[in-house]
PDB file of all heavy atoms in Angstrom:
ATOM      1  N   ASN A   1      92.921 100.766 111.913  1.00  0.00           N
ATOM      2  CA  ASN A   1      92.964  99.545 112.701  1.00  0.00           C
ATOM      3  C   ASN A   1      94.267  98.779 112.448  1.00  0.00           C
ATOM      4  O   ASN A   1      95.096  99.155 111.623  1.00  0.00           O
ATOM      5  CB  ASN A   1      91.728  98.670 112.463  1.00  0.00           C
ATOM      6  CG  ASN A   1      91.645  98.115 111.054  1.00  0.00           C
ATOM      7  OD1 ASN A   1      92.550  98.246 110.250  1.00  0.00           O
ATOM      8  ND2 ASN A   1      90.518  97.482 110.757  1.00  0.00           N
ATOM      9  N   GLU A   2      94.424  97.711 113.180  1.00  0.00           N
ATOM     10  CA  GLU A   2      95.665  96.939 113.134  1.00  0.00           C
ATOM     11  C   GLU A   2      95.910  96.333 111.754  1.00  0.00           C
ATOM     12  O   GLU A   2      97.052  96.235 111.293  1.00  0.00           O
ATOM     13  CB  GLU A   2      95.584  95.831 114.185  1.00  0.00           C
ATOM     14  CG  GLU A   2      96.863  95.588 114.915  1.00  0.00           C
ATOM     15  CD  GLU A   2      96.678  94.625 116.065  1.00  0.00           C
ATOM     16  OE1 GLU A   2      95.553  94.517 116.587  1.00  0.00           O
ATOM     17  OE2 GLU A   2      97.667  93.967 116.419  1.00  0.00           O
ATOM     18  N   SER A   3      94.838  95.923 111.106  1.00  0.00           N
ATOM     19  CA  SER A   3      94.990  95.319 109.779  1.00  0.00           C
ATOM     20  C   SER A   3      95.559  96.313 108.782  1.00  0.00           C
ATOM     21  O   SER A   3      96.391  95.966 107.938  1.00  0.00           O
ATOM     22  CB  SER A   3      93.627  94.797 109.293  1.00  0.00           C
ATOM     23  OG  SER A   3      93.147  93.778 110.135  1.00  0.00           O
ATOM     24  N   ALA A   4      95.121  97.559 108.853  1.00  0.00           N
ATOM     25  CA  ALA A   4      95.667  98.585 107.960  1.00  0.00           C
ATOM     26  C   ALA A   4      97.152  98.793 108.218  1.00  0.00           C
ATOM     27  O   ALA A   4      97.952  98.942 107.287  1.00  0.00           O
ATOM     28  CB  ALA A   4      94.906  99.894 108.148  1.00  0.00           C
ATOM     29  N   GLU A   5      97.537  98.790 109.471  1.00  0.00           N
ATOM     30  CA  GLU A   5      98.941  98.967 109.821  1.00  0.00           C
ATOM     31  C   GLU A   5      99.784  97.821 109.280  1.00  0.00           C
ATOM     32  O   GLU A   5     100.929  98.018 108.851  1.00  0.00           O
ATOM     33  CB  GLU A   5      99.084  99.061 111.336  1.00  0.00           C
ATOM     34  CG  GLU A   5     100.483  99.435 111.797  1.00  0.00           C
ATOM     35  CD  GLU A   5     100.549  99.651 113.297  1.00  0.00           C
ATOM     36  OE1 GLU A   5      99.607  99.236 114.002  1.00  0.00           O
ATOM     37  OE2 GLU A   5     101.545 100.221 113.756  1.00  0.00           O
ATOM     38  N   GLN A   6      99.217  96.617 109.270  1.00  0.00           N
ATOM     39  CA  GLN A   6      99.940  95.453 108.776  1.00  0.00           C
ATOM     40  C   GLN A   6     100.046  95.437 107.260  1.00  0.00           C
ATOM     41  O   GLN A   6     101.112  95.161 106.707  1.00  0.00           O
ATOM     42  CB  GLN A   6      99.223  94.176 109.237  1.00  0.00           C
ATOM     43  CG  GLN A   6      99.500  93.791 110.663  1.00  0.00           C
ATOM     44  CD  GLN A   6     100.957  93.379 110.853  1.00  0.00           C
ATOM     45  OE1 GLN A   6     101.563  92.775 109.976  1.00  0.00           O
ATOM     46  NE2 GLN A   6     101.518  93.720 111.991  1.00  0.00           N
ATOM     47  N   VAL A   7      98.955  95.722 106.588  1.00  0.00           N
ATOM     48  CA  VAL A   7      98.889  95.551 105.137  1.00  0.00           C
ATOM     49  C   VAL A   7      99.413  96.769 104.378  1.00  0.00           C
ATOM     50  O   VAL A   7      99.957  96.646 103.278  1.00  0.00           O
ATOM     51  CB  VAL A   7      97.434  95.234 104.715  1.00  0.00           C
ATOM     52  CG1 VAL A   7      97.295  95.202 103.199  1.00  0.00           C
ATOM     53  CG2 VAL A   7      97.001  93.897 105.309  1.00  0.00           C
ATOM     54  N   MET A   8      99.263  97.974 104.955  1.00  0.00           N
ATOM     55  CA  MET A   8      99.686  99.205 104.276  1.00  0.00           C
ATOM     56  C   MET A   8     100.620 100.011 105.165  1.00  0.00           C
ATOM     57  O   MET A   8     100.297 101.132 105.575  1.00  0.00           O
ATOM     58  CB  MET A   8      98.461 100.030 103.870  1.00  0.00           C
ATOM     59  CG  MET A   8      97.690  99.416 102.721  1.00  0.00           C
ATOM     60  SD  MET A   8      96.120 100.242 102.384  1.00  0.00           S
ATOM     61  CE  MET A   8      95.089  99.529 103.669  1.00  0.00           C
ATOM     62  N   PRO A   9     101.778  99.466 105.493  1.00  0.00           N
ATOM     63  CA  PRO A   9     102.716 100.189 106.370  1.00  0.00           C
ATOM     64  C   PRO A   9     103.211 101.488 105.750  1.00  0.00           C
ATOM     65  O   PRO A   9     103.698 102.366 106.456  1.00  0.00           O
ATOM     66  CB  PRO A   9     103.854  99.186 106.565  1.00  0.00           C
ATOM     67  CG  PRO A   9     103.798  98.311 105.354  1.00  0.00           C
ATOM     68  CD  PRO A   9     102.335  98.174 105.038  1.00  0.00           C
ATOM     69  N   GLU A  10     103.065 101.620 104.420  1.00  0.00           N
ATOM     70  CA  GLU A  10     103.526 102.847 103.751  1.00  0.00           C
ATOM     71  C   GLU A  10     102.809 104.089 104.258  1.00  0.00           C
ATOM     72  O   GLU A  10     103.341 105.200 104.189  1.00  0.00           O
ATOM     73  CB  GLU A  10     103.322 102.732 102.233  1.00  0.00           C
ATOM     74  CG  GLU A  10     104.191 101.684 101.571  1.00  0.00           C
ATOM     75  CD  GLU A  10     103.524 100.313 101.514  1.00  0.00           C
ATOM     76  OE1 GLU A  10     102.461 100.140 102.146  1.00  0.00           O
ATOM     77  OE2 GLU A  10     104.058  99.425 100.829  1.00  0.00           O
ATOM     78  N   LEU A  11     101.575 103.917 104.757  1.00  0.00           N
ATOM     79  CA  LEU A  11     100.823 105.065 105.269  1.00  0.00           C
ATOM     80  C   LEU A  11     101.544 105.764 106.413  1.00  0.00           C
ATOM     81  O   LEU A  11     101.331 106.953 106.664  1.00  0.00           O
ATOM     82  CB  LEU A  11      99.434 104.621 105.764  1.00  0.00           C
ATOM     83  CG  LEU A  11      98.274 104.670 104.777  1.00  0.00           C
ATOM     84  CD1 LEU A  11      97.041 104.055 105.401  1.00  0.00           C
ATOM     85  CD2 LEU A  11      97.989 106.101 104.348  1.00  0.00           C
ATOM     86  N   PHE A  12     102.393 105.030 107.112  1.00  0.00           N
ATOM     87  CA  PHE A  12     102.997 105.550 108.338  1.00  0.00           C
ATOM     88  C   PHE A  12     104.454 105.937 108.154  1.00  0.00           C
ATOM     89  O   PHE A  12     105.150 106.220 109.121  1.00  0.00           O
ATOM     90  CB  PHE A  12     102.842 104.499 109.446  1.00  0.00           C
ATOM     91  CG  PHE A  12     101.440 103.946 109.500  1.00  0.00           C
ATOM     92  CD1 PHE A  12     101.142 102.713 108.939  1.00  0.00           C
ATOM     93  CD2 PHE A  12     100.424 104.677 110.069  1.00  0.00           C
ATOM     94  CE1 PHE A  12      99.847 102.214 108.951  1.00  0.00           C
ATOM     95  CE2 PHE A  12      99.126 104.188 110.087  1.00  0.00           C
ATOM     96  CZ  PHE A  12      98.836 102.959 109.529  1.00  0.00           C
ATOM     97  N   ARG A  13     104.912 105.945 106.907  1.00  0.00           N
ATOM     98  CA  ARG A  13     106.292 106.308 106.638  1.00  0.00           C
ATOM     99  C   ARG A  13     106.405 107.803 106.347  1.00  0.00           C
ATOM    100  O   ARG A  13     105.429 108.470 106.036  1.00  0.00           O
ATOM    101  CB  ARG A  13     106.836 105.472 105.476  1.00  0.00           C
ATOM    102  CG  ARG A  13     106.963 104.002 105.865  1.00  0.00           C
ATOM    103  CD  ARG A  13     107.428 103.122 104.739  1.00  0.00           C
ATOM    104  NE  ARG A  13     107.480 101.732 105.180  1.00  0.00           N
ATOM    105  CZ  ARG A  13     107.570 100.689 104.368  1.00  0.00           C
ATOM    106  NH1 ARG A  13     107.643 100.883 103.069  1.00  0.00           N
ATOM    107  NH2 ARG A  13     107.601  99.459 104.842  1.00  0.00           N
ATOM    108  N   THR A  14     107.624 108.303 106.416  1.00  0.00           N
ATOM    109  CA  THR A  14     107.854 109.740 106.355  1.00  0.00           C
ATOM    110  C   THR A  14     107.343 110.364 105.073  1.00  0.00           C
ATOM    111  O   THR A  14     106.741 111.446 105.088  1.00  0.00           O
ATOM    112  CB  THR A  14     109.360 110.037 106.502  1.00  0.00           C
ATOM    113  OG1 THR A  14     109.828 109.462 107.716  1.00  0.00           O
ATOM    114  CG2 THR A  14     109.609 111.531 106.515  1.00  0.00           C
ATOM    115  N   ASP A  15     107.557 109.696 103.921  1.00  0.00           N
ATOM    116  CA  ASP A  15     107.177 110.319 102.663  1.00  0.00           C
ATOM    117  C   ASP A  15     105.670 110.484 102.528  1.00  0.00           C
ATOM    118  O   ASP A  15     105.189 111.409 101.880  1.00  0.00           O
ATOM    119  CB  ASP A  15     107.741 109.543 101.463  1.00  0.00           C
ATOM    120  CG  ASP A  15     107.448 108.054 101.529  1.00  0.00           C
ATOM    121  OD1 ASP A  15     106.675 107.639 102.411  1.00  0.00           O
ATOM    122  OD2 ASP A  15     108.006 107.306 100.705  1.00  0.00           O
ATOM    123  N   ALA A  16     104.895 109.589 103.129  1.00  0.00           N
ATOM    124  CA  ALA A  16     103.437 109.707 103.071  1.00  0.00           C
ATOM    125  C   ALA A  16     102.907 110.734 104.061  1.00  0.00           C
ATOM    126  O   ALA A  16     101.862 111.333 103.847  1.00  0.00           O
ATOM    127  CB  ALA A  16     102.788 108.354 103.346  1.00  0.00           C
ATOM    128  N   ARG A  17     103.608 110.930 105.185  1.00  0.00           N
ATOM    129  CA  ARG A  17     103.203 111.892 106.212  1.00  0.00           C
ATOM    130  C   ARG A  17     101.760 111.678 106.639  1.00  0.00           C
ATOM    131  O   ARG A  17     100.996 112.579 106.874  1.00  0.00           O
ATOM    132  CB  ARG A  17     103.421 113.319 105.716  1.00  0.00           C
ATOM    133  CG  ARG A  17     104.893 113.679 105.600  1.00  0.00           C
ATOM    134  CD  ARG A  17     105.175 114.843 104.702  1.00  0.00           C
ATOM    135  NE  ARG A  17     104.441 116.029 105.072  1.00  0.00           N
ATOM    136  CZ  ARG A  17     104.426 117.141 104.341  1.00  0.00           C
ATOM    137  NH1 ARG A  17     105.097 117.178 103.200  1.00  0.00           N
ATOM    138  NH2 ARG A  17     103.751 118.193 104.735  1.00  0.00           N
ATOM    139  N   ARG A  18     101.388 110.404 106.723  1.00  0.00           N
ATOM    140  CA  ARG A  18     100.054 109.985 107.137  1.00  0.00           C
ATOM    141  C   ARG A  18      98.961 110.696 106.336  1.00  0.00           C
ATOM    142  O   ARG A  18      98.001 111.227 106.872  1.00  0.00           O
ATOM    143  CB  ARG A  18      99.879 110.181 108.641  1.00  0.00           C
ATOM    144  CG  ARG A  18     100.724 109.161 109.414  1.00  0.00           C
ATOM    145  CD  ARG A  18     100.596 109.263 110.888  1.00  0.00           C
ATOM    146  NE  ARG A  18     101.335 108.161 111.521  1.00  0.00           N
ATOM    147  CZ  ARG A  18     101.549 108.056 112.824  1.00  0.00           C
ATOM    148  NH1 ARG A  18     101.071 108.971 113.636  1.00  0.00           N
ATOM    149  NH2 ARG A  18     102.213 107.033 113.309  1.00  0.00           N
ATOM    150  N   ASN A  19      99.147 110.680 105.040  1.00  0.00           N
ATOM    151  CA  ASN A  19      98.169 111.217 104.095  1.00  0.00           C
ATOM    152  C   ASN A  19      98.002 110.187 102.985  1.00  0.00           C
ATOM    153  O   ASN A  19      98.983 109.760 102.369  1.00  0.00           O
ATOM    154  CB  ASN A  19      98.647 112.555 103.532  1.00  0.00           C
ATOM    155  CG  ASN A  19      97.674 113.134 102.520  1.00  0.00           C
ATOM    156  OD1 ASN A  19      97.687 112.765 101.351  1.00  0.00           O
ATOM    157  ND2 ASN A  19      96.822 114.045 102.982  1.00  0.00           N
ATOM    158  N   ALA A  20      96.754 109.767 102.740  1.00  0.00           N
ATOM    159  CA  ALA A  20      96.509 108.668 101.803  1.00  0.00           C
ATOM    160  C   ALA A  20      96.923 109.017 100.380  1.00  0.00           C
ATOM    161  O   ALA A  20      97.417 108.161  99.636  1.00  0.00           O
ATOM    162  CB  ALA A  20      95.042 108.268 101.845  1.00  0.00           C
ATOM    163  N   LEU A  21      96.732 110.268  99.959  1.00  0.00           N
ATOM    164  CA  LEU A  21      97.098 110.632  98.591  1.00  0.00           C
ATOM    165  C   LEU A  21      98.612 110.692  98.432  1.00  0.00           C
ATOM    166  O   LEU A  21      99.158 110.303  97.394  1.00  0.00           O
ATOM    167  CB  LEU A  21      96.475 111.977  98.215  1.00  0.00           C
ATOM    168  CG  LEU A  21      96.421 112.275  96.713  1.00  0.00           C
ATOM    169  CD1 LEU A  21      95.537 111.267  95.989  1.00  0.00           C
ATOM    170  CD2 LEU A  21      95.932 113.690  96.453  1.00  0.00           C
ATOM    171  N   ARG A  22      99.320 111.167  99.455  1.00  0.00           N
ATOM    172  CA  ARG A  22     100.782 111.167  99.386  1.00  0.00           C
ATOM    173  C   ARG A  22     101.309 109.735  99.306  1.00  0.00           C
ATOM    174  O   ARG A  22     102.306 109.478  98.624  1.00  0.00           O
ATOM    175  CB  ARG A  22     101.364 111.880 100.605  1.00  0.00           C
ATOM    176  CG  ARG A  22     101.188 113.398 100.596  1.00  0.00           C
ATOM    177  CD  ARG A  22     102.020 114.038 101.692  1.00  0.00           C
ATOM    178  NE  ARG A  22     101.826 115.474 101.768  1.00  0.00           N
ATOM    179  CZ  ARG A  22     101.023 116.075 102.643  1.00  0.00           C
ATOM    180  NH1 ARG A  22     100.333 115.341 103.514  1.00  0.00           N
ATOM    181  NH2 ARG A  22     100.902 117.383 102.667  1.00  0.00           N
ATOM    182  N   MET A  23     100.674 108.807 100.021  1.00  0.00           N
ATOM    183  CA  MET A  23     101.116 107.420  99.950  1.00  0.00           C
ATOM    184  C   MET A  23     101.012 106.902  98.515  1.00  0.00           C
ATOM    185  O   MET A  23     101.920 106.233  98.010  1.00  0.00           O
ATOM    186  CB  MET A  23     100.270 106.535 100.870  1.00  0.00           C
ATOM    187  CG  MET A  23     100.630 105.044 100.768  1.00  0.00           C
ATOM    188  SD  MET A  23      99.545 103.960 101.732  1.00  0.00           S
ATOM    189  CE  MET A  23      98.022 104.049 100.767  1.00  0.00           C
ATOM    190  N   VAL A  24      99.919 107.219  97.842  1.00  0.00           N
ATOM    191  CA  VAL A  24      99.709 106.723  96.489  1.00  0.00           C
ATOM    192  C   VAL A  24     100.765 107.259  95.534  1.00  0.00           C
ATOM    193  O   VAL A  24     101.326 106.516  94.717  1.00  0.00           O
ATOM    194  CB  VAL A  24      98.294 107.112  95.992  1.00  0.00           C
ATOM    195  CG1 VAL A  24      98.138 106.796  94.507  1.00  0.00           C
ATOM    196  CG2 VAL A  24      97.226 106.384  96.797  1.00  0.00           C
ATOM    197  N   PHE A  25     101.079 108.555  95.630  1.00  0.00           N
ATOM    198  CA  PHE A  25     101.941 109.182  94.631  1.00  0.00           C
ATOM    199  C   PHE A  25     103.420 109.259  95.017  1.00  0.00           C
ATOM    200  O   PHE A  25     104.266 109.422  94.141  1.00  0.00           O
ATOM    201  CB  PHE A  25     101.433 110.592  94.312  1.00  0.00           C
ATOM    202  CG  PHE A  25     100.274 110.606  93.366  1.00  0.00           C
ATOM    203  CD1 PHE A  25      98.978 110.653  93.841  1.00  0.00           C
ATOM    204  CD2 PHE A  25     100.473 110.541  91.996  1.00  0.00           C
ATOM    205  CE1 PHE A  25      97.895 110.660  92.975  1.00  0.00           C
ATOM    206  CE2 PHE A  25      99.408 110.540  91.113  1.00  0.00           C
ATOM    207  CZ  PHE A  25      98.110 110.588  91.608  1.00  0.00           C
ATOM    208  N   CYS A  26     103.738 109.153  96.305  1.00  0.00           N
ATOM    209  CA  CYS A  26     105.116 109.402  96.730  1.00  0.00           C
ATOM    210  C   CYS A  26     105.849 108.179  97.252  1.00  0.00           C
ATOM    211  O   CYS A  26     107.064 108.260  97.477  1.00  0.00           O
ATOM    212  CB  CYS A  26     105.145 110.503  97.804  1.00  0.00           C
ATOM    213  SG  CYS A  26     104.551 112.099  97.217  1.00  0.00           S
ATOM    214  N   ASN A  27     105.148 107.071  97.455  1.00  0.00           N
ATOM    215  CA  ASN A  27     105.808 105.920  98.043  1.00  0.00           C
ATOM    216  C   ASN A  27     106.043 104.840  96.994  1.00  0.00           C
ATOM    217  O   ASN A  27     105.090 104.261  96.451  1.00  0.00           O
ATOM    218  CB  ASN A  27     104.977 105.360  99.203  1.00  0.00           C
ATOM    219  CG  ASN A  27     105.739 104.304  99.972  1.00  0.00           C
ATOM    220  OD1 ASN A  27     105.762 103.140  99.582  1.00  0.00           O
ATOM    221  ND2 ASN A  27     106.383 104.705 101.058  1.00  0.00           N
ATOM    222  N   GLU A  28     107.307 104.575  96.700  1.00  0.00           N
ATOM    223  CA  GLU A  28     107.650 103.613  95.657  1.00  0.00           C
ATOM    224  C   GLU A  28     107.241 102.191  96.030  1.00  0.00           C
ATOM    225  O   GLU A  28     106.862 101.390  95.172  1.00  0.00           O
ATOM    226  CB  GLU A  28     109.160 103.665  95.375  1.00  0.00           C
ATOM    227  CG  GLU A  28     109.599 104.912  94.638  1.00  0.00           C
ATOM    228  CD  GLU A  28     108.969 105.021  93.254  1.00  0.00           C
ATOM    229  OE1 GLU A  28     108.777 103.982  92.600  1.00  0.00           O
ATOM    230  OE2 GLU A  28     108.665 106.150  92.841  1.00  0.00           O
ATOM    231  N   SER A  29     107.325 101.852  97.307  1.00  0.00           N
ATOM    232  CA  SER A  29     106.945 100.513  97.738  1.00  0.00           C
ATOM    233  C   SER A  29     105.479 100.241  97.451  1.00  0.00           C
ATOM    234  O   SER A  29     105.120  99.185  96.924  1.00  0.00           O
ATOM    235  CB  SER A  29     107.242 100.334  99.231  1.00  0.00           C
ATOM    236  OG  SER A  29     106.705  99.115  99.709  1.00  0.00           O
ATOM    237  N   PHE A  30     104.615 101.195  97.789  1.00  0.00           N
ATOM    238  CA  PHE A  30     103.184 101.013  97.539  1.00  0.00           C
ATOM    239  C   PHE A  30     102.913 100.919  96.039  1.00  0.00           C
ATOM    240  O   PHE A  30     102.101 100.102  95.597  1.00  0.00           O
ATOM    241  CB  PHE A  30     102.400 102.163  98.158  1.00  0.00           C
ATOM    242  CG  PHE A  30     100.902 102.003  98.059  1.00  0.00           C
ATOM    243  CD1 PHE A  30     100.227 101.137  98.902  1.00  0.00           C
ATOM    244  CD2 PHE A  30     100.173 102.702  97.111  1.00  0.00           C
ATOM    245  CE1 PHE A  30      98.852 100.970  98.809  1.00  0.00           C
ATOM    246  CE2 PHE A  30      98.796 102.549  97.005  1.00  0.00           C
ATOM    247  CZ  PHE A  30      98.138 101.673  97.856  1.00  0.00           C
ATOM    248  N   ARG A  31     103.576 101.745  95.265  1.00  0.00           N
ATOM    249  CA  ARG A  31     103.406 101.714  93.810  1.00  0.00           C
ATOM    250  C   ARG A  31     103.761 100.336  93.256  1.00  0.00           C
ATOM    251  O   ARG A  31     103.056  99.800  92.388  1.00  0.00           O
ATOM    252  CB  ARG A  31     104.298 102.777  93.167  1.00  0.00           C
ATOM    253  CG  ARG A  31     104.214 102.801  91.637  1.00  0.00           C
ATOM    254  CD  ARG A  31     105.322 103.657  91.057  1.00  0.00           C
ATOM    255  NE  ARG A  31     105.195 105.039  91.446  1.00  0.00           N
ATOM    256  CZ  ARG A  31     105.072 106.048  90.582  1.00  0.00           C
ATOM    257  NH1 ARG A  31     105.037 105.811  89.290  1.00  0.00           N
ATOM    258  NH2 ARG A  31     104.981 107.277  91.008  1.00  0.00           N
ATOM    259  N   GLU A  32     104.849  99.758  93.740  1.00  0.00           N
ATOM    260  CA  GLU A  32     105.280  98.459  93.232  1.00  0.00           C
ATOM    261  C   GLU A  32     104.368  97.330  93.684  1.00  0.00           C
ATOM    262  O   GLU A  32     104.192  96.342  92.964  1.00  0.00           O
ATOM    263  CB  GLU A  32     106.709  98.189  93.693  1.00  0.00           C
ATOM    264  CG  GLU A  32     107.732  99.126  93.064  1.00  0.00           C
ATOM    265  CD  GLU A  32     109.109  98.962  93.679  1.00  0.00           C
ATOM    266  OE1 GLU A  32     109.242  98.117  94.606  1.00  0.00           O
ATOM    267  OE2 GLU A  32     110.046  99.670  93.248  1.00  0.00           O
ATOM    268  N   ARG A  33     103.776  97.471  94.867  1.00  0.00           N
ATOM    269  CA  ARG A  33     102.958  96.378  95.405  1.00  0.00           C
ATOM    270  C   ARG A  33     101.530  96.374  94.878  1.00  0.00           C
ATOM    271  O   ARG A  33     100.857  95.346  94.912  1.00  0.00           O
ATOM    272  CB  ARG A  33     102.919  96.459  96.940  1.00  0.00           C
ATOM    273  CG  ARG A  33     104.261  96.234  97.589  1.00  0.00           C
ATOM    274  CD  ARG A  33     104.155  95.884  99.066  1.00  0.00           C
ATOM    275  NE  ARG A  33     103.405  96.844  99.859  1.00  0.00           N
ATOM    276  CZ  ARG A  33     102.305  96.533 100.551  1.00  0.00           C
ATOM    277  NH1 ARG A  33     101.812  95.312 100.525  1.00  0.00           N
ATOM    278  NH2 ARG A  33     101.702  97.461 101.279  1.00  0.00           N
ATOM    279  N   LEU A  34     101.042  97.523  94.424  1.00  0.00           N
ATOM    280  CA  LEU A  34      99.649  97.625  93.981  1.00  0.00           C
ATOM    281  C   LEU A  34      99.528  97.340  92.494  1.00  0.00           C
ATOM    282  O   LEU A  34     100.169  97.995  91.665  1.00  0.00           O
ATOM    283  CB  LEU A  34      99.102  99.025  94.287  1.00  0.00           C
ATOM    284  CG  LEU A  34      97.636  99.262  93.908  1.00  0.00           C
ATOM    285  CD1 LEU A  34      96.712  98.433  94.797  1.00  0.00           C
ATOM    286  CD2 LEU A  34      97.288 100.739  94.016  1.00  0.00           C
ATOM    287  N   ALA A  35      98.704  96.354  92.148  1.00  0.00           N
ATOM    288  CA  ALA A  35      98.443  96.081  90.733  1.00  0.00           C
ATOM    289  C   ALA A  35      97.644  97.235  90.137  1.00  0.00           C
ATOM    290  O   ALA A  35      96.817  97.857  90.813  1.00  0.00           O
ATOM    291  CB  ALA A  35      97.662  94.767  90.594  1.00  0.00           C
ATOM    292  N   ASP A  36      97.886  97.541  88.863  1.00  0.00           N
ATOM    293  CA  ASP A  36      97.184  98.632  88.166  1.00  0.00           C
ATOM    294  C   ASP A  36      97.340  99.948  88.916  1.00  0.00           C
ATOM    295  O   ASP A  36      96.363 100.683  89.138  1.00  0.00           O
ATOM    296  CB  ASP A  36      95.702  98.296  87.975  1.00  0.00           C
ATOM    297  CG  ASP A  36      95.492  97.067  87.108  1.00  0.00           C
ATOM    298  OD1 ASP A  36      96.264  96.878  86.150  1.00  0.00           O
ATOM    299  OD2 ASP A  36      94.568  96.289  87.398  1.00  0.00           O
ATOM    300  N   TRP A  37      98.592 100.259  89.288  1.00  0.00           N
ATOM    301  CA  TRP A  37      98.822 101.484  90.061  1.00  0.00           C
ATOM    302  C   TRP A  37      98.328 102.719  89.327  1.00  0.00           C
ATOM    303  O   TRP A  37      97.700 103.598  89.938  1.00  0.00           O
ATOM    304  CB  TRP A  37     100.315 101.648  90.363  1.00  0.00           C
ATOM    305  CG  TRP A  37     100.598 102.948  91.070  1.00  0.00           C
ATOM    306  CD1 TRP A  37     100.534 103.187  92.408  1.00  0.00           C
ATOM    307  CD2 TRP A  37     100.942 104.203  90.459  1.00  0.00           C
ATOM    308  NE1 TRP A  37     100.826 104.514  92.674  1.00  0.00           N
ATOM    309  CE2 TRP A  37     101.075 105.155  91.487  1.00  0.00           C
ATOM    310  CE3 TRP A  37     101.144 104.610  89.132  1.00  0.00           C
ATOM    311  CZ2 TRP A  37     101.415 106.486  91.246  1.00  0.00           C
ATOM    312  CZ3 TRP A  37     101.478 105.937  88.886  1.00  0.00           C
ATOM    313  CH2 TRP A  37     101.610 106.854  89.929  1.00  0.00           C
ATOM    314  N   GLU A  38      98.586 102.837  88.041  1.00  0.00           N
ATOM    315  CA  GLU A  38      98.211 104.055  87.323  1.00  0.00           C
ATOM    316  C   GLU A  38      96.701 104.277  87.348  1.00  0.00           C
ATOM    317  O   GLU A  38      96.231 105.398  87.572  1.00  0.00           O
ATOM    318  CB  GLU A  38      98.701 104.023  85.878  1.00  0.00           C
ATOM    319  CG  GLU A  38      98.319 105.285  85.106  1.00  0.00           C
ATOM    320  CD  GLU A  38      98.941 105.364  83.727  1.00  0.00           C
ATOM    321  OE1 GLU A  38     100.005 104.747  83.513  1.00  0.00           O
ATOM    322  OE2 GLU A  38      98.370 106.061  82.869  1.00  0.00           O
ATOM    323  N   GLN A  39      95.933 103.229  87.116  1.00  0.00           N
ATOM    324  CA  GLN A  39      94.471 103.362  87.155  1.00  0.00           C
ATOM    325  C   GLN A  39      94.015 103.804  88.538  1.00  0.00           C
ATOM    326  O   GLN A  39      93.161 104.693  88.673  1.00  0.00           O
ATOM    327  CB  GLN A  39      93.818 102.031  86.785  1.00  0.00           C
ATOM    328  CG  GLN A  39      92.290 102.075  86.807  1.00  0.00           C
ATOM    329  CD  GLN A  39      91.682 100.722  86.456  1.00  0.00           C
ATOM    330  OE1 GLN A  39      92.382  99.782  86.090  1.00  0.00           O
ATOM    331  NE2 GLN A  39      90.381 100.628  86.563  1.00  0.00           N
ATOM    332  N   HIS A  40      94.589 103.199  89.573  1.00  0.00           N
ATOM    333  CA  HIS A  40      94.241 103.561  90.942  1.00  0.00           C
ATOM    334  C   HIS A  40      94.630 105.010  91.230  1.00  0.00           C
ATOM    335  O   HIS A  40      93.850 105.773  91.815  1.00  0.00           O
ATOM    336  CB  HIS A  40      94.960 102.617  91.910  1.00  0.00           C
ATOM    337  CG  HIS A  40      94.774 102.965  93.355  1.00  0.00           C
ATOM    338  ND1 HIS A  40      93.626 102.687  94.056  1.00  0.00           N
ATOM    339  CD2 HIS A  40      95.617 103.585  94.238  1.00  0.00           C
ATOM    340  CE1 HIS A  40      93.756 103.115  95.300  1.00  0.00           C
ATOM    341  NE2 HIS A  40      94.948 103.659  95.436  1.00  0.00           N
ATOM    342  N   ALA A  41      95.829 105.403  90.822  1.00  0.00           N
ATOM    343  CA  ALA A  41      96.323 106.750  91.105  1.00  0.00           C
ATOM    344  C   ALA A  41      95.488 107.806  90.390  1.00  0.00           C
ATOM    345  O   ALA A  41      95.158 108.850  90.964  1.00  0.00           O
ATOM    346  CB  ALA A  41      97.791 106.862  90.699  1.00  0.00           C
ATOM    347  N   ARG A  42      95.147 107.550  89.135  1.00  0.00           N
ATOM    348  CA  ARG A  42      94.316 108.507  88.391  1.00  0.00           C
ATOM    349  C   ARG A  42      92.943 108.669  89.048  1.00  0.00           C
ATOM    350  O   ARG A  42      92.415 109.781  89.150  1.00  0.00           O
ATOM    351  CB  ARG A  42      94.157 108.054  86.941  1.00  0.00           C
ATOM    352  CG  ARG A  42      95.344 108.377  86.041  1.00  0.00           C
ATOM    353  CD  ARG A  42      95.063 107.969  84.615  1.00  0.00           C
ATOM    354  NE  ARG A  42      96.049 108.432  83.679  1.00  0.00           N
ATOM    355  CZ  ARG A  42      96.049 109.635  83.090  1.00  0.00           C
ATOM    356  NH1 ARG A  42      95.078 110.489  83.375  1.00  0.00           N
ATOM    357  NH2 ARG A  42      96.988 109.976  82.234  1.00  0.00           N
ATOM    358  N   HIS A  43      92.368 107.547  89.478  1.00  0.00           N
ATOM    359  CA  HIS A  43      91.052 107.622  90.128  1.00  0.00           C
ATOM    360  C   HIS A  43      91.151 108.395  91.445  1.00  0.00           C
ATOM    361  O   HIS A  43      90.297 109.245  91.734  1.00  0.00           O
ATOM    362  CB  HIS A  43      90.513 106.214  90.383  1.00  0.00           C
ATOM    363  CG  HIS A  43      89.228 106.195  91.145  1.00  0.00           C
ATOM    364  ND1 HIS A  43      88.032 106.660  90.628  1.00  0.00           N
ATOM    365  CD2 HIS A  43      88.939 105.779  92.420  1.00  0.00           C
ATOM    366  CE1 HIS A  43      87.080 106.530  91.519  1.00  0.00           C
ATOM    367  NE2 HIS A  43      87.606 106.005  92.612  1.00  0.00           N
TER     368      HIS A  43
END
């Protein structure tokens, strides 16, 4: 939905290739914006 596009634009960038797991591990912007990134990534 539109809210996802606004809040998580990293999902639609080339490095993520519209894959949620790639966004978590490959996008530096998302890593910097998410608190407790390591805990989230491990889960």
